[in-house]
Amino acid sequence: MSNTNQPESLAGVWRRPPALAFIILALVCASSYISPPLALAIGLVFALIVGNPFPKSSQKAAKFLLQASVVGLGFGMNLAAVLAAGKMGFWFTVGTIGGTLLLGWLLGRLLHTGSQVSTLISSGTAICGGSAIAAVGAAIRADSRAMSVALGTVFVLNSVALFLFPPMGHWLHLSQQQFGIWAAIAIHDTSSVVGAAAKYGDQALAIATTVKLARALWIVPVALACAWTHRCKGARMAWPWFILFFILAAGVRTLFPQGAEIYNAIRGVAKIGLTLTLFLIGSQLSREALRSVGVKALLQGVILWLVVSLAGLAAVWRLVAA
């Protein structure tokens, strides 16, 4: 049974076995002995069997840890490489985002998933999963049902991608550069992109992080465009400021290379933080969220995901040919 109705407090945690187990598992995931995909799996299993005893607190912690971890990873990257990766495939980024939104609109009309649900799933697939859904949802004033359906759909597919992509990359004999670009394009959330790339290799991690964050910058213009198409005035959304701090961290590493040992230590802590983030994200899945995802919404999400994944794969194969 879930303990989500209990107060989110550490007081008396020793008398609450689920809460104590949750904290122990979180510490295990932060031990550096657990891989990002395994941490997500642990969180998913715990959430579905026991239930998250700290749903609101873990959600806030996951958001903060993800942003802090991404900034920490910036200390392990060269600024010139970051900027080059941000410019790489600019028009392809524009094309895939625009194409995904257009295909999502057509699928929404064909499957009758509803305007809001269709827009949210398409935005999450095109840009960066839950963050894009939250921003676009605020812009179009989406109702709670549309938000839960879209988040549930993207969450399920995002979790599958984290486990599926690294072995597929090896099976397809993708290089570190190829896999990094492919993961950034085809996996929804930044956390799972970074987790999958970290599993594949350090070079893949650097490329995937920078390409994904470059795509994440499109949250604001896409949210504004969706607000206009849904005739919503006065749209409000949060700018992803942590991307700026990521660039600043890479700049510090580039301008002051003497502190390599310190930067590497920060990067190591950031990778542990990312693993813990994935555990917290996995722990947020609930049976109610799964039940809220209808067949039509899931079908739209799967079709969009497959199209984007195949388009991304074609792009990285062309990269080799070039």
C-alpha atoms as a PDB file:
ATOM      1  CA  MET A   1       0.000   0.000   0.000  1.00  0.00           C
ATOM      2  CA  SER A   2       1.201   3.525  -0.728  1.00  0.00           C
ATOM      3  CA  ASN A   3       1.899   5.929   2.107  1.00  0.00           C
ATOM      4  CA  THR A   4       1.302   9.049   0.072  1.00  0.00           C
ATOM      5  CA  ASN A   5      -1.367  10.308   2.485  1.00  0.00           C
ATOM      6  CA  GLN A   6       1.032  10.415   5.403  1.00  0.00           C
ATOM      7  CA  PRO A   7       2.833  13.661   6.244  1.00  0.00           C
ATOM      8  CA  GLU A   8       6.148  14.067   4.431  1.00  0.00           C
ATOM      9  CA  SER A   9       8.391  14.323   7.468  1.00  0.00           C
ATOM     10  CA  LEU A  10      11.522  12.520   8.636  1.00  0.00           C
ATOM     11  CA  ALA A  11      10.175  12.579  12.162  1.00  0.00           C
ATOM     12  CA  GLY A  12       9.397   9.054  13.249  1.00  0.00           C
ATOM     13  CA  VAL A  13      10.884   7.588  10.061  1.00  0.00           C
ATOM     14  CA  TRP A  14      12.359   4.685  12.033  1.00  0.00           C
ATOM     15  CA  ARG A  15       8.803   3.591  12.837  1.00  0.00           C
ATOM     16  CA  ARG A  16       7.789   3.662   9.168  1.00  0.00           C
ATOM     17  CA  PRO A  17       9.409   0.719   7.314  1.00  0.00           C
ATOM     18  CA  PRO A  18       8.562   1.987   3.786  1.00  0.00           C
ATOM     19  CA  ALA A  19      10.110   5.385   4.515  1.00  0.00           C
ATOM     20  CA  LEU A  20      13.202   3.792   6.044  1.00  0.00           C
ATOM     21  CA  ALA A  21      13.552   1.426   3.071  1.00  0.00           C
ATOM     22  CA  PHE A  22      13.211   4.381   0.703  1.00  0.00           C
ATOM     23  CA  ILE A  23      16.034   6.267   2.427  1.00  0.00           C
ATOM     24  CA  ILE A  24      18.293   3.203   2.482  1.00  0.00           C
ATOM     25  CA  LEU A  25      17.740   2.580  -1.233  1.00  0.00           C
ATOM     26  CA  ALA A  26      18.459   6.239  -1.976  1.00  0.00           C
ATOM     27  CA  LEU A  27      21.760   5.972  -0.089  1.00  0.00           C
ATOM     28  CA  VAL A  28      22.633   2.786  -1.987  1.00  0.00           C
ATOM     29  CA  CYS A  29      21.976   4.552  -5.302  1.00  0.00           C
ATOM     30  CA  ALA A  30      24.237   7.388  -4.168  1.00  0.00           C
ATOM     31  CA  SER A  31      27.070   4.986  -3.326  1.00  0.00           C
ATOM     32  CA  SER A  32      28.590   5.069  -6.879  1.00  0.00           C
ATOM     33  CA  TYR A  33      28.175   1.280  -7.142  1.00  0.00           C
ATOM     34  CA  ILE A  34      24.790   1.518  -8.882  1.00  0.00           C
ATOM     35  CA  SER A  35      24.439   2.385 -12.589  1.00  0.00           C
ATOM     36  CA  PRO A  36      21.871   5.025 -13.689  1.00  0.00           C
ATOM     37  CA  PRO A  37      19.557   2.487 -15.412  1.00  0.00           C
ATOM     38  CA  LEU A  38      19.623   0.226 -12.350  1.00  0.00           C
ATOM     39  CA  ALA A  39      18.813   3.180 -10.085  1.00  0.00           C
ATOM     40  CA  LEU A  40      15.778   3.989 -12.216  1.00  0.00           C
ATOM     41  CA  ALA A  41      14.689   0.346 -12.114  1.00  0.00           C
ATOM     42  CA  ILE A  42      14.993   0.254  -8.315  1.00  0.00           C
ATOM     43  CA  GLY A  43      12.867   3.385  -8.030  1.00  0.00           C
ATOM     44  CA  LEU A  44      10.227   2.028 -10.414  1.00  0.00           C
ATOM     45  CA  VAL A  45       9.917  -1.312  -8.626  1.00  0.00           C
ATOM     46  CA  PHE A  46       9.758   0.333  -5.202  1.00  0.00           C
ATOM     47  CA  ALA A  47       7.084   2.801  -6.355  1.00  0.00           C
ATOM     48  CA  LEU A  48       4.859   0.116  -7.881  1.00  0.00           C
ATOM     49  CA  ILE A  49       5.181  -2.393  -5.025  1.00  0.00           C
ATOM     50  CA  VAL A  50       5.414  -0.187  -1.943  1.00  0.00           C
ATOM     51  CA  GLY A  51       4.620   3.374  -3.001  1.00  0.00           C
ATOM     52  CA  ASN A  52       6.632   6.553  -2.555  1.00  0.00           C
ATOM     53  CA  PRO A  53       6.435   7.716   1.094  1.00  0.00           C
ATOM     54  CA  PHE A  54       7.731  11.199   0.163  1.00  0.00           C
ATOM     55  CA  PRO A  55       6.108  12.001  -3.218  1.00  0.00           C
ATOM     56  CA  LYS A  56       6.273  15.807  -3.083  1.00  0.00           C
ATOM     57  CA  SER A  57       9.696  16.005  -1.455  1.00  0.00           C
ATOM     58  CA  SER A  58      11.250  13.494  -3.859  1.00  0.00           C
ATOM     59  CA  GLN A  59       9.803  15.354  -6.848  1.00  0.00           C
ATOM     60  CA  LYS A  60      11.354  18.635  -5.699  1.00  0.00           C
ATOM     61  CA  ALA A  61      14.642  16.925  -4.861  1.00  0.00           C
ATOM     62  CA  ALA A  62      14.777  15.219  -8.265  1.00  0.00           C
ATOM     63  CA  LYS A  63      14.321  18.526 -10.076  1.00  0.00           C
ATOM     64  CA  PHE A  64      17.037  20.256  -8.052  1.00  0.00           C
ATOM     65  CA  LEU A  65      19.471  17.313  -8.263  1.00  0.00           C
ATOM     66  CA  LEU A  66      19.034  17.019 -12.030  1.00  0.00           C
ATOM     67  CA  GLN A  67      19.820  20.680 -12.606  1.00  0.00           C
ATOM     68  CA  ALA A  68      22.732  20.675 -10.140  1.00  0.00           C
ATOM     69  CA  SER A  69      24.144  17.476 -11.672  1.00  0.00           C
ATOM     70  CA  VAL A  70      23.966  18.891 -15.199  1.00  0.00           C
ATOM     71  CA  VAL A  71      25.828  22.004 -14.052  1.00  0.00           C
ATOM     72  CA  GLY A  72      28.408  19.788 -12.334  1.00  0.00           C
ATOM     73  CA  LEU A  73      28.944  17.833 -15.544  1.00  0.00           C
ATOM     74  CA  GLY A  74      29.783  21.146 -17.215  1.00  0.00           C
ATOM     75  CA  PHE A  75      33.005  21.310 -15.194  1.00  0.00           C
ATOM     76  CA  GLY A  76      34.212  18.279 -17.130  1.00  0.00           C
ATOM     77  CA  MET A  77      33.732  19.816 -20.584  1.00  0.00           C
ATOM     78  CA  ASN A  78      35.561  22.248 -22.833  1.00  0.00           C
ATOM     79  CA  LEU A  79      33.540  25.357 -23.706  1.00  0.00           C
ATOM     80  CA  ALA A  80      34.550  25.270 -27.370  1.00  0.00           C
ATOM     81  CA  ALA A  81      33.282  21.687 -27.632  1.00  0.00           C
ATOM     82  CA  VAL A  82      30.049  22.661 -25.885  1.00  0.00           C
ATOM     83  CA  LEU A  83      29.399  25.533 -28.289  1.00  0.00           C
ATOM     84  CA  ALA A  84      30.305  23.375 -31.286  1.00  0.00           C
ATOM     85  CA  ALA A  85      27.876  20.680 -30.150  1.00  0.00           C
ATOM     86  CA  GLY A  86      25.190  23.321 -29.664  1.00  0.00           C
ATOM     87  CA  LYS A  87      25.630  24.468 -33.270  1.00  0.00           C
ATOM     88  CA  MET A  88      25.819  20.924 -34.624  1.00  0.00           C
ATOM     89  CA  GLY A  89      22.783  20.016 -36.664  1.00  0.00           C
ATOM     90  CA  PHE A  90      20.927  23.304 -35.992  1.00  0.00           C
ATOM     91  CA  TRP A  91      18.617  22.911 -38.950  1.00  0.00           C
ATOM     92  CA  PHE A  92      18.144  19.244 -38.195  1.00  0.00           C
ATOM     93  CA  THR A  93      17.038  20.236 -34.683  1.00  0.00           C
ATOM     94  CA  VAL A  94      14.583  22.735 -36.136  1.00  0.00           C
ATOM     95  CA  GLY A  95      13.319  20.140 -38.596  1.00  0.00           C
ATOM     96  CA  THR A  96      12.869  17.345 -36.051  1.00  0.00           C
ATOM     97  CA  ILE A  97      11.117  19.586 -33.522  1.00  0.00           C
ATOM     98  CA  GLY A  98       8.832  21.085 -36.149  1.00  0.00           C
ATOM     99  CA  GLY A  99       8.224  17.707 -37.790  1.00  0.00           C
ATOM    100  CA  THR A 100       7.421  16.032 -34.471  1.00  0.00           C
ATOM    101  CA  LEU A 101       4.931  18.733 -33.531  1.00  0.00           C
ATOM    102  CA  LEU A 102       3.271  18.515 -36.964  1.00  0.00           C
ATOM    103  CA  LEU A 103       3.106  14.714 -36.891  1.00  0.00           C
ATOM    104  CA  GLY A 104       1.787  14.842 -33.336  1.00  0.00           C
ATOM    105  CA  TRP A 105      -0.982  17.218 -34.416  1.00  0.00           C
ATOM    106  CA  LEU A 106      -1.966  14.891 -37.272  1.00  0.00           C
ATOM    107  CA  LEU A 107      -1.902  11.817 -35.018  1.00  0.00           C
ATOM    108  CA  GLY A 108      -3.937  13.634 -32.393  1.00  0.00           C
ATOM    109  CA  ARG A 109      -6.667  14.363 -34.922  1.00  0.00           C
ATOM    110  CA  LEU A 110      -6.531  10.821 -36.301  1.00  0.00           C
ATOM    111  CA  LEU A 111      -6.594   9.099 -32.900  1.00  0.00           C
ATOM    112  CA  HIS A 112      -8.844  11.693 -31.206  1.00  0.00           C
ATOM    113  CA  THR A 113      -6.550  12.016 -28.196  1.00  0.00           C
ATOM    114  CA  GLY A 114      -7.650  15.604 -27.566  1.00  0.00           C
ATOM    115  CA  SER A 115      -5.958  18.873 -28.430  1.00  0.00           C
ATOM    116  CA  GLN A 116      -4.241  19.399 -25.079  1.00  0.00           C
ATOM    117  CA  VAL A 117      -3.038  15.813 -24.657  1.00  0.00           C
ATOM    118  CA  SER A 118      -1.774  15.701 -28.241  1.00  0.00           C
ATOM    119  CA  THR A 119       0.109  19.003 -27.876  1.00  0.00           C
ATOM    120  CA  LEU A 120       1.713  17.948 -24.589  1.00  0.00           C
ATOM    121  CA  ILE A 121       2.845  14.511 -25.803  1.00  0.00           C
ATOM    122  CA  SER A 122       4.224  16.039 -29.004  1.00  0.00           C
ATOM    123  CA  SER A 123       6.115  18.742 -27.082  1.00  0.00           C
ATOM    124  CA  GLY A 124       7.576  16.247 -24.635  1.00  0.00           C
ATOM    125  CA  THR A 125       8.752  14.008 -27.466  1.00  0.00           C
ATOM    126  CA  ALA A 126      10.149  16.869 -29.550  1.00  0.00           C
ATOM    127  CA  ILE A 127      12.155  18.658 -26.868  1.00  0.00           C
ATOM    128  CA  CYS A 128      12.840  17.276 -23.411  1.00  0.00           C
ATOM    129  CA  GLY A 129      10.071  15.199 -21.904  1.00  0.00           C
ATOM    130  CA  GLY A 130       8.547  16.261 -18.608  1.00  0.00           C
ATOM    131  CA  SER A 131      10.176  19.706 -18.561  1.00  0.00           C
ATOM    132  CA  ALA A 132       8.674  20.587 -21.930  1.00  0.00           C
ATOM    133  CA  ILE A 133       5.286  19.202 -20.898  1.00  0.00           C
ATOM    134  CA  ALA A 134       5.330  21.320 -17.740  1.00  0.00           C
ATOM    135  CA  ALA A 135       6.251  24.492 -19.658  1.00  0.00           C
ATOM    136  CA  VAL A 136       3.821  23.959 -22.530  1.00  0.00           C
ATOM    137  CA  GLY A 137       1.097  22.830 -20.113  1.00  0.00           C
ATOM    138  CA  ALA A 138       1.399  26.115 -18.244  1.00  0.00           C
ATOM    139  CA  ALA A 139       1.371  28.046 -21.510  1.00  0.00           C
ATOM    140  CA  ILE A 140      -1.820  26.434 -22.866  1.00  0.00           C
ATOM    141  CA  ARG A 141      -3.449  26.178 -19.423  1.00  0.00           C
ATOM    142  CA  ALA A 142      -3.767  22.399 -19.702  1.00  0.00           C
ATOM    143  CA  ASP A 143      -6.099  20.673 -17.244  1.00  0.00           C
ATOM    144  CA  SER A 144      -4.824  18.151 -14.704  1.00  0.00           C
ATOM    145  CA  ARG A 145      -6.063  15.124 -16.647  1.00  0.00           C
ATOM    146  CA  ALA A 146      -4.231  16.153 -19.826  1.00  0.00           C
ATOM    147  CA  MET A 147      -1.056  16.769 -17.821  1.00  0.00           C
ATOM    148  CA  SER A 148      -1.208  13.400 -16.063  1.00  0.00           C
ATOM    149  CA  VAL A 149      -1.898  11.487 -19.297  1.00  0.00           C
ATOM    150  CA  ALA A 150       0.957  13.203 -21.158  1.00  0.00           C
ATOM    151  CA  LEU A 151       3.421  12.861 -18.282  1.00  0.00           C
ATOM    152  CA  GLY A 152       2.499   9.203 -17.780  1.00  0.00           C
ATOM    153  CA  THR A 153       2.927   8.429 -21.484  1.00  0.00           C
ATOM    154  CA  VAL A 154       6.303  10.132 -21.771  1.00  0.00           C
ATOM    155  CA  PHE A 155       7.456   8.702 -18.437  1.00  0.00           C
ATOM    156  CA  VAL A 156       6.837   5.117 -19.552  1.00  0.00           C
ATOM    157  CA  LEU A 157       8.567   5.554 -22.926  1.00  0.00           C
ATOM    158  CA  ASN A 158      11.421   7.509 -21.371  1.00  0.00           C
ATOM    159  CA  SER A 159      12.080   4.698 -18.883  1.00  0.00           C
ATOM    160  CA  VAL A 160      12.042   2.077 -21.647  1.00  0.00           C
ATOM    161  CA  ALA A 161      14.516   4.137 -23.695  1.00  0.00           C
ATOM    162  CA  LEU A 162      17.019   4.349 -20.836  1.00  0.00           C
ATOM    163  CA  PHE A 163      17.254   0.551 -20.688  1.00  0.00           C
ATOM    164  CA  LEU A 164      16.953  -0.069 -24.430  1.00  0.00           C
ATOM    165  CA  PHE A 165      19.280   2.461 -26.042  1.00  0.00           C
ATOM    166  CA  PRO A 166      22.740   1.478 -24.686  1.00  0.00           C
ATOM    167  CA  PRO A 167      22.504  -2.189 -25.812  1.00  0.00           C
ATOM    168  CA  MET A 168      20.965  -1.083 -29.120  1.00  0.00           C
ATOM    169  CA  GLY A 169      23.841   1.336 -29.635  1.00  0.00           C
ATOM    170  CA  HIS A 170      26.365  -1.473 -29.169  1.00  0.00           C
ATOM    171  CA  TRP A 171      24.350  -3.787 -31.419  1.00  0.00           C
ATOM    172  CA  LEU A 172      24.327  -1.110 -34.151  1.00  0.00           C
ATOM    173  CA  HIS A 173      28.071  -0.470 -33.591  1.00  0.00           C
ATOM    174  CA  LEU A 174      27.514   3.240 -32.992  1.00  0.00           C
ATOM    175  CA  SER A 175      30.527   5.311 -32.039  1.00  0.00           C
ATOM    176  CA  GLN A 176      30.565   7.429 -28.903  1.00  0.00           C
ATOM    177  CA  GLN A 177      29.761  10.541 -30.954  1.00  0.00           C
ATOM    178  CA  GLN A 178      26.966   8.825 -32.850  1.00  0.00           C
ATOM    179  CA  PHE A 179      25.323   7.443 -29.735  1.00  0.00           C
ATOM    180  CA  GLY A 180      25.549  10.776 -27.928  1.00  0.00           C
ATOM    181  CA  ILE A 181      23.725  12.588 -30.727  1.00  0.00           C
ATOM    182  CA  TRP A 182      21.168   9.810 -31.171  1.00  0.00           C
ATOM    183  CA  ALA A 183      20.354   9.642 -27.455  1.00  0.00           C
ATOM    184  CA  ALA A 184      19.949  13.428 -27.244  1.00  0.00           C
ATOM    185  CA  ILE A 185      17.503  13.389 -30.151  1.00  0.00           C
ATOM    186  CA  ALA A 186      15.483  10.260 -29.401  1.00  0.00           C
ATOM    187  CA  ILE A 187      15.270   9.970 -25.584  1.00  0.00           C
ATOM    188  CA  HIS A 188      12.735  12.263 -23.951  1.00  0.00           C
ATOM    189  CA  ASP A 189      14.014  13.540 -20.583  1.00  0.00           C
ATOM    190  CA  THR A 190      17.449  15.075 -19.981  1.00  0.00           C
ATOM    191  CA  SER A 191      17.988  12.781 -16.993  1.00  0.00           C
ATOM    192  CA  SER A 192      17.579   9.599 -19.045  1.00  0.00           C
ATOM    193  CA  VAL A 193      19.619  11.016 -21.929  1.00  0.00           C
ATOM    194  CA  VAL A 194      22.515  11.660 -19.574  1.00  0.00           C
ATOM    195  CA  GLY A 195      21.987   8.327 -17.804  1.00  0.00           C
ATOM    196  CA  ALA A 196      22.030   6.313 -21.043  1.00  0.00           C
ATOM    197  CA  ALA A 197      25.028   8.226 -22.396  1.00  0.00           C
ATOM    198  CA  ALA A 198      26.947   7.786 -19.126  1.00  0.00           C
ATOM    199  CA  LYS A 199      26.399   4.043 -19.488  1.00  0.00           C
ATOM    200  CA  TYR A 200      27.779   4.181 -23.045  1.00  0.00           C
ATOM    201  CA  GLY A 201      30.941   6.198 -22.379  1.00  0.00           C
ATOM    202  CA  ASP A 202      32.438   9.550 -21.357  1.00  0.00           C
ATOM    203  CA  GLN A 203      32.563  10.989 -24.876  1.00  0.00           C
ATOM    204  CA  ALA A 204      28.958   9.998 -25.497  1.00  0.00           C
ATOM    205  CA  LEU A 205      28.036  11.651 -22.187  1.00  0.00           C
ATOM    206  CA  ALA A 206      29.675  14.952 -23.141  1.00  0.00           C
ATOM    207  CA  ILE A 207      28.040  15.070 -26.575  1.00  0.00           C
ATOM    208  CA  ALA A 208      24.601  13.912 -25.414  1.00  0.00           C
ATOM    209  CA  THR A 209      24.471  16.464 -22.593  1.00  0.00           C
ATOM    210  CA  THR A 210      25.363  19.441 -24.769  1.00  0.00           C
ATOM    211  CA  VAL A 211      23.110  18.476 -27.693  1.00  0.00           C
ATOM    212  CA  LYS A 212      20.165  17.793 -25.366  1.00  0.00           C
ATOM    213  CA  LEU A 213      20.574  21.093 -23.546  1.00  0.00           C
ATOM    214  CA  ALA A 214      20.727  22.896 -26.879  1.00  0.00           C
ATOM    215  CA  ARG A 215      17.377  21.291 -27.747  1.00  0.00           C
ATOM    216  CA  ALA A 216      16.003  22.241 -24.333  1.00  0.00           C
ATOM    217  CA  LEU A 217      16.456  25.918 -25.197  1.00  0.00           C
ATOM    218  CA  TRP A 218      13.540  25.481 -27.588  1.00  0.00           C
ATOM    219  CA  ILE A 219      11.131  25.087 -24.654  1.00  0.00           C
ATOM    220  CA  VAL A 220      10.342  28.798 -24.558  1.00  0.00           C
ATOM    221  CA  PRO A 221       9.625  29.462 -28.272  1.00  0.00           C
ATOM    222  CA  VAL A 222       7.639  26.219 -28.593  1.00  0.00           C
ATOM    223  CA  ALA A 223       5.608  27.037 -25.475  1.00  0.00           C
ATOM    224  CA  LEU A 224       4.857  30.514 -26.822  1.00  0.00           C
ATOM    225  CA  ALA A 225       3.865  29.076 -30.200  1.00  0.00           C
ATOM    226  CA  CYS A 226       1.555  26.530 -28.523  1.00  0.00           C
ATOM    227  CA  ALA A 227      -0.010  29.286 -26.424  1.00  0.00           C
ATOM    228  CA  TRP A 228      -0.705  31.243 -29.605  1.00  0.00           C
ATOM    229  CA  THR A 229      -2.246  28.261 -31.427  1.00  0.00           C
ATOM    230  CA  HIS A 230      -4.443  27.502 -28.395  1.00  0.00           C
ATOM    231  CA  ARG A 231      -5.406  31.197 -28.154  1.00  0.00           C
ATOM    232  CA  CYS A 232      -4.019  31.515 -24.610  1.00  0.00           C
ATOM    233  CA  LYS A 233      -2.897  35.050 -23.756  1.00  0.00           C
ATOM    234  CA  GLY A 234      -0.471  35.936 -21.003  1.00  0.00           C
ATOM    235  CA  ALA A 235       1.322  32.575 -21.082  1.00  0.00           C
ATOM    236  CA  ARG A 236       3.784  32.073 -18.252  1.00  0.00           C
ATOM    237  CA  MET A 237       6.725  29.674 -18.269  1.00  0.00           C
ATOM    238  CA  ALA A 238      10.051  29.202 -16.545  1.00  0.00           C
ATOM    239  CA  TRP A 239      13.279  29.742 -18.481  1.00  0.00           C
ATOM    240  CA  PRO A 240      15.757  26.840 -17.985  1.00  0.00           C
ATOM    241  CA  TRP A 241      18.449  28.919 -16.285  1.00  0.00           C
ATOM    242  CA  PHE A 242      20.525  25.873 -15.344  1.00  0.00           C
ATOM    243  CA  ILE A 243      21.598  25.617 -18.995  1.00  0.00           C
ATOM    244  CA  LEU A 244      23.342  28.984 -18.643  1.00  0.00           C
ATOM    245  CA  PHE A 245      25.128  27.764 -15.501  1.00  0.00           C
ATOM    246  CA  PHE A 246      26.190  24.616 -17.386  1.00  0.00           C
ATOM    247  CA  ILE A 247      27.824  26.814 -20.055  1.00  0.00           C
ATOM    248  CA  LEU A 248      29.475  28.955 -17.365  1.00  0.00           C
ATOM    249  CA  ALA A 249      30.875  25.830 -15.686  1.00  0.00           C
ATOM    250  CA  ALA A 250      32.371  24.688 -18.995  1.00  0.00           C
ATOM    251  CA  GLY A 251      33.806  28.194 -19.420  1.00  0.00           C
ATOM    252  CA  VAL A 252      35.493  28.037 -16.018  1.00  0.00           C
ATOM    253  CA  ARG A 253      37.019  24.656 -16.908  1.00  0.00           C
ATOM    254  CA  THR A 254      38.291  26.045 -20.226  1.00  0.00           C
ATOM    255  CA  LEU A 255      39.721  29.329 -18.889  1.00  0.00           C
ATOM    256  CA  PHE A 256      41.289  27.837 -15.764  1.00  0.00           C
ATOM    257  CA  PRO A 257      42.476  24.328 -16.696  1.00  0.00           C
ATOM    258  CA  GLN A 258      44.890  24.162 -13.746  1.00  0.00           C
ATOM    259  CA  GLY A 259      42.187  22.878 -11.419  1.00  0.00           C
ATOM    260  CA  ALA A 260      41.621  19.646 -13.334  1.00  0.00           C
ATOM    261  CA  GLU A 261      41.564  17.490 -10.190  1.00  0.00           C
ATOM    262  CA  ILE A 262      38.898  19.672  -8.588  1.00  0.00           C
ATOM    263  CA  TYR A 263      36.815  19.716 -11.765  1.00  0.00           C
ATOM    264  CA  ASN A 264      37.016  15.947 -12.100  1.00  0.00           C
ATOM    265  CA  ALA A 265      35.916  15.559  -8.489  1.00  0.00           C
ATOM    266  CA  ILE A 266      32.910  17.833  -9.109  1.00  0.00           C
ATOM    267  CA  ARG A 267      32.070  15.848 -12.229  1.00  0.00           C
ATOM    268  CA  GLY A 268      32.249  12.595 -10.245  1.00  0.00           C
ATOM    269  CA  VAL A 269      29.845  13.943  -7.640  1.00  0.00           C
ATOM    270  CA  ALA A 270      27.538  15.141 -10.434  1.00  0.00           C
ATOM    271  CA  LYS A 271      27.385  11.635 -11.945  1.00  0.00           C
ATOM    272  CA  ILE A 272      26.428  10.227  -8.528  1.00  0.00           C
ATOM    273  CA  GLY A 273      23.808  12.962  -8.219  1.00  0.00           C
ATOM    274  CA  LEU A 274      22.407  11.959 -11.587  1.00  0.00           C
ATOM    275  CA  THR A 275      22.111   8.330 -10.481  1.00  0.00           C
ATOM    276  CA  LEU A 276      20.239   9.390  -7.357  1.00  0.00           C
ATOM    277  CA  THR A 277      18.048  11.634  -9.515  1.00  0.00           C
ATOM    278  CA  LEU A 278      16.973   8.662 -11.625  1.00  0.00           C
ATOM    279  CA  PHE A 279      16.066   6.696  -8.502  1.00  0.00           C
ATOM    280  CA  LEU A 280      13.903   9.600  -7.319  1.00  0.00           C
ATOM    281  CA  ILE A 281      12.307   9.966 -10.749  1.00  0.00           C
ATOM    282  CA  GLY A 282      11.532   6.249 -10.886  1.00  0.00           C
ATOM    283  CA  SER A 283       9.990   6.375  -7.424  1.00  0.00           C
ATOM    284  CA  GLN A 284       7.413   8.907  -8.650  1.00  0.00           C
ATOM    285  CA  LEU A 285       5.613   6.404 -10.864  1.00  0.00           C
ATOM    286  CA  SER A 286       2.303   5.273  -9.417  1.00  0.00           C
ATOM    287  CA  ARG A 287      -0.376   2.787 -10.394  1.00  0.00           C
ATOM    288  CA  GLU A 288      -2.763   5.723 -10.806  1.00  0.00           C
ATOM    289  CA  ALA A 289      -0.416   7.349 -13.332  1.00  0.00           C
ATOM    290  CA  LEU A 290      -0.235   4.124 -15.333  1.00  0.00           C
ATOM    291  CA  ARG A 291      -4.004   3.752 -15.314  1.00  0.00           C
ATOM    292  CA  SER A 292      -4.443   7.327 -16.533  1.00  0.00           C
ATOM    293  CA  VAL A 293      -2.548   6.613 -19.750  1.00  0.00           C
ATOM    294  CA  GLY A 294      -5.081   5.605 -22.366  1.00  0.00           C
ATOM    295  CA  VAL A 295      -4.357   3.359 -25.333  1.00  0.00           C
ATOM    296  CA  LYS A 296      -4.735   6.195 -27.844  1.00  0.00           C
ATOM    297  CA  ALA A 297      -2.349   8.516 -25.989  1.00  0.00           C
ATOM    298  CA  LEU A 298       0.204   5.733 -25.582  1.00  0.00           C
ATOM    299  CA  LEU A 299      -0.099   4.861 -29.280  1.00  0.00           C
ATOM    300  CA  GLN A 300       0.520   8.474 -30.255  1.00  0.00           C
ATOM    301  CA  GLY A 301       3.557   8.603 -27.981  1.00  0.00           C
ATOM    302  CA  VAL A 302       4.984   5.343 -29.339  1.00  0.00           C
ATOM    303  CA  ILE A 303       4.551   6.373 -32.997  1.00  0.00           C
ATOM    304  CA  LEU A 304       6.182   9.760 -32.395  1.00  0.00           C
ATOM    305  CA  TRP A 305       9.028   8.159 -30.456  1.00  0.00           C
ATOM    306  CA  LEU A 306       9.710   5.590 -33.188  1.00  0.00           C
ATOM    307  CA  VAL A 307       9.684   8.217 -35.939  1.00  0.00           C
ATOM    308  CA  VAL A 308      12.058  10.516 -34.021  1.00  0.00           C
ATOM    309  CA  SER A 309      14.336   7.588 -33.119  1.00  0.00           C
ATOM    310  CA  LEU A 310      14.593   6.397 -36.726  1.00  0.00           C
ATOM    311  CA  ALA A 311      15.148   9.941 -38.010  1.00  0.00           C
ATOM    312  CA  GLY A 312      17.878  10.443 -35.414  1.00  0.00           C
ATOM    313  CA  LEU A 313      19.506   7.148 -36.335  1.00  0.00           C
ATOM    314  CA  ALA A 314      19.500   8.094 -40.013  1.00  0.00           C
ATOM    315  CA  ALA A 315      21.134  11.406 -39.077  1.00  0.00           C
ATOM    316  CA  VAL A 316      24.008   9.824 -37.150  1.00  0.00           C
ATOM    317  CA  TRP A 317      24.637   7.330 -39.938  1.00  0.00           C
ATOM    318  CA  ARG A 318      24.890  10.237 -42.379  1.00  0.00           C
ATOM    319  CA  LEU A 319      27.372  11.795 -39.982  1.00  0.00           C
ATOM    320  CA  VAL A 320      29.690   8.829 -40.564  1.00  0.00           C
ATOM    321  CA  ALA A 321      29.227   8.971 -44.301  1.00  0.00           C
ATOM    322  CA  ALA A 322      30.144  12.652 -44.244  1.00  0.00           C
END
